[in-house]
Amino acid sequence: MNYPPFKSGTRVKASIRRAGKNDYTSEAIAVRALYDGHIRVGSEYHDSHGLCYGVKFEDGVVAFFDPEELEVQ
């Protein structure tokens, strides 16, 4: 099994409707909502408190999503 499940540079579609842990700050929740449904590139991952991915959007913003909130494109 590969870890993490997808590598940096993988195109993904963000969907917060597939709600993950939902323990993000109110600021992070607002940013995540702005990019719901957008397709971009996964740029990094963190796993110190459970796996999550940083997804970099065209405007340079990086928003974090749980694995179940991302669909590989």
PDB file of N, CA and C in Angstrom:
ATOM      1  N   MET A   1       0.845  -1.182   0.000  1.00  0.00           N
ATOM      2  CA  MET A   1       0.000   0.000   0.000  1.00  0.00           C
ATOM      3  C   MET A   1       0.887   1.240   0.000  1.00  0.00           C
ATOM      4  N   ASN A   2       0.603   2.174  -0.885  1.00  0.00           N
ATOM      5  CA  ASN A   2       1.358   3.413  -0.948  1.00  0.00           C
ATOM      6  C   ASN A   2       0.868   4.380   0.117  1.00  0.00           C
ATOM      7  N   TYR A   3       1.825   5.101   0.691  1.00  0.00           N
ATOM      8  CA  TYR A   3       1.454   6.119   1.664  1.00  0.00           C
ATOM      9  C   TYR A   3       2.192   7.390   1.335  1.00  0.00           C
ATOM     10  N   PRO A   4       1.540   8.503   1.250  1.00  0.00           N
ATOM     11  CA  PRO A   4       0.091   8.686   1.376  1.00  0.00           C
ATOM     12  C   PRO A   4      -0.625   8.132   0.151  1.00  0.00           C
ATOM     13  N   PRO A   5      -1.945   7.959   0.226  1.00  0.00           N
ATOM     14  CA  PRO A   5      -2.694   7.366  -0.883  1.00  0.00           C
ATOM     15  C   PRO A   5      -2.496   8.044  -2.231  1.00  0.00           C
ATOM     16  N   PHE A   6      -2.299   9.355  -2.268  1.00  0.00           N
ATOM     17  CA  PHE A   6      -1.900   9.972  -3.528  1.00  0.00           C
ATOM     18  C   PHE A   6      -0.776  10.965  -3.275  1.00  0.00           C
ATOM     19  N   LYS A   7       0.065  11.103  -4.254  1.00  0.00           N
ATOM     20  CA  LYS A   7       1.294  11.888  -4.139  1.00  0.00           C
ATOM     21  C   LYS A   7       1.074  13.345  -4.500  1.00  0.00           C
ATOM     22  N   SER A   8       2.008  14.170  -4.089  1.00  0.00           N
ATOM     23  CA  SER A   8       2.012  15.573  -4.455  1.00  0.00           C
ATOM     24  C   SER A   8       1.967  15.694  -5.970  1.00  0.00           C
ATOM     25  N   GLY A   9       1.163  16.624  -6.465  1.00  0.00           N
ATOM     26  CA  GLY A   9       1.018  16.815  -7.903  1.00  0.00           C
ATOM     27  C   GLY A   9      -0.173  16.105  -8.501  1.00  0.00           C
ATOM     28  N   THR A  10      -0.870  15.297  -7.709  1.00  0.00           N
ATOM     29  CA  THR A  10      -2.068  14.607  -8.183  1.00  0.00           C
ATOM     30  C   THR A  10      -3.213  15.602  -8.295  1.00  0.00           C
ATOM     31  N   ARG A  11      -3.916  15.586  -9.435  1.00  0.00           N
ATOM     32  CA  ARG A  11      -5.091  16.462  -9.604  1.00  0.00           C
ATOM     33  C   ARG A  11      -6.253  15.871  -8.818  1.00  0.00           C
ATOM     34  N   VAL A  12      -6.890  16.719  -8.023  1.00  0.00           N
ATOM     35  CA  VAL A  12      -8.006  16.281  -7.196  1.00  0.00           C
ATOM     36  C   VAL A  12      -9.160  17.269  -7.282  1.00  0.00           C
ATOM     37  N   LYS A  13     -10.349  16.775  -7.009  1.00  0.00           N
ATOM     38  CA  LYS A  13     -11.541  17.624  -6.901  1.00  0.00           C
ATOM     39  C   LYS A  13     -11.946  17.641  -5.430  1.00  0.00           C
ATOM     40  N   ALA A  14     -12.058  18.840  -4.879  1.00  0.00           N
ATOM     41  CA  ALA A  14     -12.426  19.001  -3.479  1.00  0.00           C
ATOM     42  C   ALA A  14     -13.938  18.957  -3.328  1.00  0.00           C
ATOM     43  N   SER A  15     -14.415  18.248  -2.304  1.00  0.00           N
ATOM     44  CA  SER A  15     -15.849  18.200  -2.032  1.00  0.00           C
ATOM     45  C   SER A  15     -16.070  18.112  -0.530  1.00  0.00           C
ATOM     46  N   ILE A  16     -16.339  19.253   0.087  1.00  0.00           N
ATOM     47  CA  ILE A  16     -16.568  19.245   1.535  1.00  0.00           C
ATOM     48  C   ILE A  16     -17.905  18.599   1.890  1.00  0.00           C
ATOM     49  N   ARG A  17     -18.716  18.305   0.891  1.00  0.00           N
ATOM     50  CA  ARG A  17     -19.996  17.625   1.150  1.00  0.00           C
ATOM     51  C   ARG A  17     -19.789  16.178   1.585  1.00  0.00           C
ATOM     52  N   ARG A  18     -18.589  15.648   1.329  1.00  0.00           N
ATOM     53  CA  ARG A  18     -18.254  14.297   1.798  1.00  0.00           C
ATOM     54  C   ARG A  18     -17.601  14.389   3.168  1.00  0.00           C
ATOM     55  N   ALA A  19     -18.068  15.282   3.989  1.00  0.00           N
ATOM     56  CA  ALA A  19     -17.483  15.701   5.255  1.00  0.00           C
ATOM     57  C   ALA A  19     -16.529  14.714   5.903  1.00  0.00           C
ATOM     58  N   GLY A  20     -15.366  15.238   6.182  1.00  0.00           N
ATOM     59  CA  GLY A  20     -14.340  14.501   6.906  1.00  0.00           C
ATOM     60  C   GLY A  20     -14.489  14.719   8.405  1.00  0.00           C
ATOM     61  N   LYS A  21     -13.375  14.912   9.071  1.00  0.00           N
ATOM     62  CA  LYS A  21     -13.368  15.072  10.527  1.00  0.00           C
ATOM     63  C   LYS A  21     -14.103  16.325  10.970  1.00  0.00           C
ATOM     64  N   ASN A  22     -14.040  17.369  10.135  1.00  0.00           N
ATOM     65  CA  ASN A  22     -14.731  18.629  10.400  1.00  0.00           C
ATOM     66  C   ASN A  22     -14.274  19.281  11.707  1.00  0.00           C
ATOM     67  N   ASP A  23     -12.972  19.176  12.014  1.00  0.00           N
ATOM     68  CA  ASP A  23     -12.441  19.829  13.206  1.00  0.00           C
ATOM     69  C   ASP A  23     -11.546  21.006  12.827  1.00  0.00           C
ATOM     70  N   TYR A  24     -11.860  21.633  11.710  1.00  0.00           N
ATOM     71  CA  TYR A  24     -11.098  22.777  11.230  1.00  0.00           C
ATOM     72  C   TYR A  24     -11.560  24.053  11.931  1.00  0.00           C
ATOM     73  N   THR A  25     -10.687  25.062  11.954  1.00  0.00           N
ATOM     74  CA  THR A  25     -11.059  26.356  12.524  1.00  0.00           C
ATOM     75  C   THR A  25     -12.125  27.004  11.645  1.00  0.00           C
ATOM     76  N   SER A  26     -12.808  27.995  12.183  1.00  0.00           N
ATOM     77  CA  SER A  26     -13.844  28.677  11.398  1.00  0.00           C
ATOM     78  C   SER A  26     -13.235  29.347  10.167  1.00  0.00           C
ATOM     79  N   GLU A  27     -12.019  29.859  10.286  1.00  0.00           N
ATOM     80  CA  GLU A  27     -11.347  30.476   9.142  1.00  0.00           C
ATOM     81  C   GLU A  27     -11.054  29.438   8.057  1.00  0.00           C
ATOM     82  N   ALA A  28     -10.574  28.281   8.466  1.00  0.00           N
ATOM     83  CA  ALA A  28     -10.271  27.214   7.508  1.00  0.00           C
ATOM     84  C   ALA A  28     -11.547  26.707   6.844  1.00  0.00           C
ATOM     85  N   ILE A  29     -12.618  26.597   7.596  1.00  0.00           N
ATOM     86  CA  ILE A  29     -13.896  26.146   7.038  1.00  0.00           C
ATOM     87  C   ILE A  29     -14.369  27.110   5.953  1.00  0.00           C
ATOM     88  N   ALA A  30     -14.213  28.414   6.194  1.00  0.00           N
ATOM     89  CA  ALA A  30     -14.625  29.416   5.201  1.00  0.00           C
ATOM     90  C   ALA A  30     -13.808  29.295   3.924  1.00  0.00           C
ATOM     91  N   VAL A  31     -12.503  29.093   4.043  1.00  0.00           N
ATOM     92  CA  VAL A  31     -11.640  28.954   2.862  1.00  0.00           C
ATOM     93  C   VAL A  31     -11.980  27.666   2.115  1.00  0.00           C
ATOM     94  N   ARG A  32     -12.180  26.574   2.846  1.00  0.00           N
ATOM     95  CA  ARG A  32     -12.522  25.294   2.223  1.00  0.00           C
ATOM     96  C   ARG A  32     -13.826  25.420   1.429  1.00  0.00           C
ATOM     97  N   ALA A  33     -14.799  26.151   1.963  1.00  0.00           N
ATOM     98  CA  ALA A  33     -16.085  26.325   1.286  1.00  0.00           C
ATOM     99  C   ALA A  33     -15.924  27.075  -0.039  1.00  0.00           C
ATOM    100  N   LEU A  34     -14.982  28.015  -0.095  1.00  0.00           N
ATOM    101  CA  LEU A  34     -14.753  28.773  -1.328  1.00  0.00           C
ATOM    102  C   LEU A  34     -14.306  27.876  -2.480  1.00  0.00           C
ATOM    103  N   TYR A  35     -13.610  26.803  -2.164  1.00  0.00           N
ATOM    104  CA  TYR A  35     -13.027  25.949  -3.197  1.00  0.00           C
ATOM    105  C   TYR A  35     -13.768  24.622  -3.375  1.00  0.00           C
ATOM    106  N   ASP A  36     -14.903  24.487  -2.742  1.00  0.00           N
ATOM    107  CA  ASP A  36     -15.700  23.268  -2.885  1.00  0.00           C
ATOM    108  C   ASP A  36     -16.037  23.051  -4.362  1.00  0.00           C
ATOM    109  N   GLY A  37     -15.727  21.883  -4.872  1.00  0.00           N
ATOM    110  CA  GLY A  37     -16.035  21.543  -6.255  1.00  0.00           C
ATOM    111  C   GLY A  37     -14.935  21.909  -7.242  1.00  0.00           C
ATOM    112  N   HIS A  38     -13.920  22.606  -6.808  1.00  0.00           N
ATOM    113  CA  HIS A  38     -12.824  22.991  -7.703  1.00  0.00           C
ATOM    114  C   HIS A  38     -11.836  21.851  -7.880  1.00  0.00           C
ATOM    115  N   ILE A  39     -11.251  21.787  -9.053  1.00  0.00           N
ATOM    116  CA  ILE A  39     -10.231  20.778  -9.345  1.00  0.00           C
ATOM    117  C   ILE A  39      -8.873  21.458  -9.328  1.00  0.00           C
ATOM    118  N   ARG A  40      -7.969  20.925  -8.536  1.00  0.00           N
ATOM    119  CA  ARG A  40      -6.614  21.460  -8.449  1.00  0.00           C
ATOM    120  C   ARG A  40      -5.632  20.349  -8.118  1.00  0.00           C
ATOM    121  N   VAL A  41      -4.426  20.759  -7.757  1.00  0.00           N
ATOM    122  CA  VAL A  41      -3.344  19.815  -7.518  1.00  0.00           C
ATOM    123  C   VAL A  41      -3.064  19.697  -6.028  1.00  0.00           C
ATOM    124  N   GLY A  42      -2.999  18.457  -5.554  1.00  0.00           N
ATOM    125  CA  GLY A  42      -2.591  18.214  -4.172  1.00  0.00           C
ATOM    126  C   GLY A  42      -1.118  18.563  -4.040  1.00  0.00           C
ATOM    127  N   SER A  43      -0.775  19.425  -3.088  1.00  0.00           N
ATOM    128  CA  SER A  43       0.592  19.899  -3.005  1.00  0.00           C
ATOM    129  C   SER A  43       1.368  19.363  -1.812  1.00  0.00           C
ATOM    130  N   GLU A  44       0.678  18.906  -0.779  1.00  0.00           N
ATOM    131  CA  GLU A  44       1.364  18.420   0.410  1.00  0.00           C
ATOM    132  C   GLU A  44       0.388  17.597   1.239  1.00  0.00           C
ATOM    133  N   TYR A  45       0.925  16.934   2.253  1.00  0.00           N
ATOM    134  CA  TYR A  45       0.050  16.225   3.186  1.00  0.00           C
ATOM    135  C   TYR A  45       0.637  16.313   4.589  1.00  0.00           C
ATOM    136  N   HIS A  46      -0.218  16.137   5.574  1.00  0.00           N
ATOM    137  CA  HIS A  46       0.179  16.119   6.981  1.00  0.00           C
ATOM    138  C   HIS A  46      -0.525  14.938   7.629  1.00  0.00           C
ATOM    139  N   ASP A  47       0.151  14.303   8.581  1.00  0.00           N
ATOM    140  CA  ASP A  47      -0.499  13.170   9.237  1.00  0.00           C
ATOM    141  C   ASP A  47      -0.242  13.111  10.745  1.00  0.00           C
ATOM    142  N   SER A  48       0.103  14.231  11.340  1.00  0.00           N
ATOM    143  CA  SER A  48       0.370  14.207  12.778  1.00  0.00           C
ATOM    144  C   SER A  48      -0.908  14.066  13.611  1.00  0.00           C
ATOM    145  N   HIS A  49      -2.035  14.520  13.096  1.00  0.00           N
ATOM    146  CA  HIS A  49      -3.322  14.398  13.798  1.00  0.00           C
ATOM    147  C   HIS A  49      -4.350  13.720  12.901  1.00  0.00           C
ATOM    148  N   GLY A  50      -3.907  12.873  12.021  1.00  0.00           N
ATOM    149  CA  GLY A  50      -4.768  12.246  11.029  1.00  0.00           C
ATOM    150  C   GLY A  50      -4.429  12.822   9.664  1.00  0.00           C
ATOM    151  N   LEU A  51      -4.533  12.020   8.658  1.00  0.00           N
ATOM    152  CA  LEU A  51      -4.132  12.412   7.314  1.00  0.00           C
ATOM    153  C   LEU A  51      -5.005  13.521   6.745  1.00  0.00           C
ATOM    154  N   CYS A  52      -4.366  14.564   6.223  1.00  0.00           N
ATOM    155  CA  CYS A  52      -5.070  15.608   5.481  1.00  0.00           C
ATOM    156  C   CYS A  52      -4.129  16.105   4.388  1.00  0.00           C
ATOM    157  N   TYR A  53      -4.717  16.661   3.348  1.00  0.00           N
ATOM    158  CA  TYR A  53      -3.954  17.123   2.193  1.00  0.00           C
ATOM    159  C   TYR A  53      -4.092  18.620   2.001  1.00  0.00           C
ATOM    160  N   GLY A  54      -2.986  19.269   1.667  1.00  0.00           N
ATOM    161  CA  GLY A  54      -3.003  20.656   1.238  1.00  0.00           C
ATOM    162  C   GLY A  54      -3.203  20.670  -0.266  1.00  0.00           C
ATOM    163  N   VAL A  55      -4.185  21.422  -0.717  1.00  0.00           N
ATOM    164  CA  VAL A  55      -4.493  21.507  -2.146  1.00  0.00           C
ATOM    165  C   VAL A  55      -4.261  22.955  -2.568  1.00  0.00           C
ATOM    166  N   LYS A  56      -3.377  23.152  -3.549  1.00  0.00           N
ATOM    167  CA  LYS A  56      -3.043  24.499  -4.004  1.00  0.00           C
ATOM    168  C   LYS A  56      -3.903  24.875  -5.196  1.00  0.00           C
ATOM    169  N   PHE A  57      -4.599  26.001  -5.069  1.00  0.00           N
ATOM    170  CA  PHE A  57      -5.499  26.480  -6.110  1.00  0.00           C
ATOM    171  C   PHE A  57      -4.815  27.521  -6.981  1.00  0.00           C
ATOM    172  N   GLU A  58      -5.439  27.856  -8.099  1.00  0.00           N
ATOM    173  CA  GLU A  58      -4.840  28.745  -9.090  1.00  0.00           C
ATOM    174  C   GLU A  58      -4.427  30.096  -8.532  1.00  0.00           C
ATOM    175  N   ASP A  59      -5.133  30.588  -7.522  1.00  0.00           N
ATOM    176  CA  ASP A  59      -4.807  31.895  -6.949  1.00  0.00           C
ATOM    177  C   ASP A  59      -3.707  31.818  -5.890  1.00  0.00           C
ATOM    178  N   GLY A  60      -3.128  30.617  -5.715  1.00  0.00           N
ATOM    179  CA  GLY A  60      -2.027  30.443  -4.776  1.00  0.00           C
ATOM    180  C   GLY A  60      -2.445  30.018  -3.383  1.00  0.00           C
ATOM    181  N   VAL A  61      -3.737  30.032  -3.098  1.00  0.00           N
ATOM    182  CA  VAL A  61      -4.234  29.628  -1.787  1.00  0.00           C
ATOM    183  C   VAL A  61      -4.087  28.120  -1.629  1.00  0.00           C
ATOM    184  N   VAL A  62      -3.629  27.696  -0.444  1.00  0.00           N
ATOM    185  CA  VAL A  62      -3.581  26.275  -0.106  1.00  0.00           C
ATOM    186  C   VAL A  62      -4.639  26.033   0.963  1.00  0.00           C
ATOM    187  N   ALA A  63      -5.578  25.143   0.683  1.00  0.00           N
ATOM    188  CA  ALA A  63      -6.618  24.772   1.640  1.00  0.00           C
ATOM    189  C   ALA A  63      -6.441  23.292   1.960  1.00  0.00           C
ATOM    190  N   PHE A  64      -6.772  22.903   3.162  1.00  0.00           N
ATOM    191  CA  PHE A  64      -6.586  21.519   3.603  1.00  0.00           C
ATOM    192  C   PHE A  64      -7.903  20.760   3.626  1.00  0.00           C
ATOM    193  N   PHE A  65      -7.819  19.497   3.201  1.00  0.00           N
ATOM    194  CA  PHE A  65      -8.988  18.629   3.099  1.00  0.00           C
ATOM    195  C   PHE A  65      -8.635  17.246   3.611  1.00  0.00           C
ATOM    196  N   ASP A  66      -9.627  16.560   4.161  1.00  0.00           N
ATOM    197  CA  ASP A  66      -9.462  15.175   4.576  1.00  0.00           C
ATOM    198  C   ASP A  66      -9.512  14.294   3.322  1.00  0.00           C
ATOM    199  N   PRO A  67      -8.887  13.105   3.367  1.00  0.00           N
ATOM    200  CA  PRO A  67      -8.840  12.241   2.180  1.00  0.00           C
ATOM    201  C   PRO A  67     -10.221  11.943   1.587  1.00  0.00           C
ATOM    202  N   GLU A  68     -11.223  11.738   2.439  1.00  0.00           N
ATOM    203  CA  GLU A  68     -12.557  11.405   1.926  1.00  0.00           C
ATOM    204  C   GLU A  68     -13.240  12.592   1.247  1.00  0.00           C
ATOM    205  N   GLU A  69     -12.665  13.767   1.371  1.00  0.00           N
ATOM    206  CA  GLU A  69     -13.209  14.960   0.726  1.00  0.00           C
ATOM    207  C   GLU A  69     -12.587  15.229  -0.646  1.00  0.00           C
ATOM    208  N   LEU A  70     -11.677  14.372  -1.062  1.00  0.00           N
ATOM    209  CA  LEU A  70     -10.972  14.564  -2.326  1.00  0.00           C
ATOM    210  C   LEU A  70     -11.199  13.393  -3.272  1.00  0.00           C
ATOM    211  N   GLU A  71     -11.398  13.726  -4.507  1.00  0.00           N
ATOM    212  CA  GLU A  71     -11.585  12.718  -5.555  1.00  0.00           C
ATOM    213  C   GLU A  71     -10.468  12.918  -6.591  1.00  0.00           C
ATOM    214  N   VAL A  72      -9.690  11.876  -6.819  1.00  0.00           N
ATOM    215  CA  VAL A  72      -8.605  11.952  -7.801  1.00  0.00           C
ATOM    216  C   VAL A  72      -9.211  12.109  -9.184  1.00  0.00           C
ATOM    217  N   GLN A  73      -8.678  13.041  -9.964  1.00  0.00           N
ATOM    218  CA  GLN A  73      -9.196  13.339 -11.300  1.00  0.00           C
ATOM    219  C   GLN A  73      -8.335  12.704 -12.376  1.00  0.00           C
TER     220      GLN A  73
END
